[in-house]
Amino acid sequence: MVRRCTRSACSMQAVATLTYVYADQTAVLGPLSTAAEPHTYDLCVEHSQRMSAPQGWSVLRLAPDPEAGAPSRDDLLALADAVREAGRPAEPVPEGQPALRLVRPLQE
């Protein structure tokens, strides 16, 4: 699902998330968060470039890390292991045996 800019009457795709840190009087504009959160604002390219903070506040603009979105070696190995496991044939069930077995007995 594509998230839209939260500015009124704007239907452009959001690319950045704005968060206000009231204790520090700072507006933080960073890459689009992974999920929509309350008290944050998703902004399109135009609104994120034109964004200004209240008078006396600081604006902290966080540039996206190009390496952050790329999968790591560990991610790729985990994915490969999961694919191998999913593709492994199921063990045959001997005739006369139940298809399911308890790993540990239930306690009564």
Protein backbone atom coordinates (compact mmCIF):
# COMPACT_ATOMS: atom_id res chain seq x y z
CA MET A 1 0.00 0.00 0.00
CA VAL A 2 1.36 3.40 -0.97
CA ARG A 3 1.20 6.05 1.72
CA ARG A 4 0.12 9.53 0.68
CA CYS A 5 1.31 12.94 1.82
CA THR A 6 -0.60 14.04 4.94
CA ARG A 7 -0.81 17.69 3.87
CA SER A 8 -4.32 18.89 3.07
CA ALA A 9 -5.42 18.43 -0.54
CA CYS A 10 -2.16 16.68 -1.52
CA SER A 11 -2.44 13.23 -3.04
CA MET A 12 1.24 12.72 -3.90
CA GLN A 13 3.17 9.68 -2.65
CA ALA A 14 4.94 10.21 0.69
CA VAL A 15 8.75 9.97 0.70
CA ALA A 16 9.68 11.39 4.12
CA THR A 17 8.39 11.37 7.69
CA LEU A 18 8.29 14.48 9.88
CA THR A 19 8.40 14.18 13.67
CA TYR A 20 8.35 16.99 16.21
CA VAL A 21 10.53 16.65 19.33
CA TYR A 22 8.81 19.16 21.59
CA ALA A 23 11.31 18.85 24.45
CA ASP A 24 14.16 19.94 22.16
CA GLN A 25 12.09 22.27 19.97
CA THR A 26 13.29 20.32 16.94
CA ALA A 27 11.53 19.12 13.81
CA VAL A 28 13.11 15.93 12.46
CA LEU A 29 12.60 15.13 8.78
CA GLY A 30 13.91 11.74 7.75
CA PRO A 31 13.28 8.88 5.35
CA LEU A 32 9.76 7.49 5.19
CA SER A 33 9.14 5.37 8.27
CA THR A 34 8.33 1.71 7.75
CA ALA A 35 4.84 2.15 9.21
CA ALA A 36 2.50 5.08 9.72
CA GLU A 37 2.72 6.25 13.33
CA PRO A 38 0.50 8.60 15.30
CA HIS A 39 1.95 12.09 15.82
CA THR A 40 4.14 11.88 12.71
CA TYR A 41 3.49 13.35 9.29
CA ASP A 42 4.30 11.69 5.97
CA LEU A 43 5.30 14.22 3.32
CA CYS A 44 5.78 14.12 -0.45
CA VAL A 45 8.95 15.42 -2.14
CA GLU A 46 7.58 18.94 -2.62
CA HIS A 47 6.26 19.37 0.92
CA SER A 48 9.37 17.83 2.49
CA GLN A 49 11.59 20.31 0.61
CA ARG A 50 9.41 23.31 1.55
CA MET A 51 8.88 22.24 5.15
CA SER A 52 9.71 24.82 7.81
CA ALA A 53 9.57 24.61 11.60
CA PRO A 54 7.94 27.01 14.04
CA GLN A 55 9.93 30.15 14.85
CA GLY A 56 12.80 29.38 17.24
CA TRP A 57 12.79 25.67 16.40
CA SER A 58 15.61 23.73 14.70
CA VAL A 59 15.11 21.52 11.67
CA LEU A 60 17.13 18.32 11.51
CA ARG A 61 17.10 16.73 8.05
CA LEU A 62 18.28 13.14 7.99
CA ALA A 63 19.47 11.93 4.61
CA PRO A 64 18.57 8.34 3.80
CA ASP A 65 21.43 5.87 4.00
CA PRO A 66 21.67 4.20 0.57
CA GLU A 67 23.16 1.06 2.15
CA ALA A 68 20.37 0.72 4.71
CA GLY A 69 17.81 -0.56 2.22
CA ALA A 70 20.09 -3.17 0.70
CA PRO A 71 19.86 -6.68 2.13
CA SER A 72 22.88 -7.75 4.17
CA ARG A 73 24.78 -11.00 3.70
CA ASP A 74 23.04 -12.40 6.81
CA ASP A 75 19.63 -11.52 5.33
CA LEU A 76 20.46 -13.32 2.09
CA LEU A 77 21.75 -16.42 3.92
CA ALA A 78 18.64 -16.55 6.11
CA LEU A 79 16.45 -16.28 3.01
CA ALA A 80 18.39 -19.05 1.24
CA ASP A 81 18.06 -21.31 4.32
CA ALA A 82 14.30 -20.66 4.49
CA VAL A 83 13.87 -21.49 0.79
CA ARG A 84 15.89 -24.71 1.18
CA GLU A 85 13.83 -25.74 4.22
CA ALA A 86 10.53 -25.01 2.45
CA GLY A 87 11.64 -27.03 -0.59
CA ARG A 88 12.74 -30.04 1.43
CA PRO A 89 10.32 -32.95 0.97
CA ALA A 90 8.28 -33.95 4.00
CA GLU A 91 9.34 -37.10 5.80
CA PRO A 92 7.08 -40.03 4.87
CA VAL A 93 4.79 -41.28 7.62
CA PRO A 94 5.08 -45.05 8.21
CA GLU A 95 1.84 -46.95 7.72
CA GLY A 96 -0.17 -47.39 10.87
CA GLN A 97 1.49 -44.38 12.51
CA PRO A 98 -0.39 -41.17 13.25
CA ALA A 99 0.50 -38.29 10.91
CA LEU A 100 1.16 -36.02 13.89
CA ARG A 101 3.35 -36.72 16.86
CA LEU A 102 3.81 -34.84 20.09
CA VAL A 103 7.20 -33.28 20.56
CA ARG A 104 6.75 -33.29 24.33
CA PRO A 105 3.95 -34.88 26.34
CA LEU A 106 1.13 -32.69 27.55
CA GLN A 107 1.11 -32.09 31.27
CA GLU A 108 -2.16 -32.71 33.06
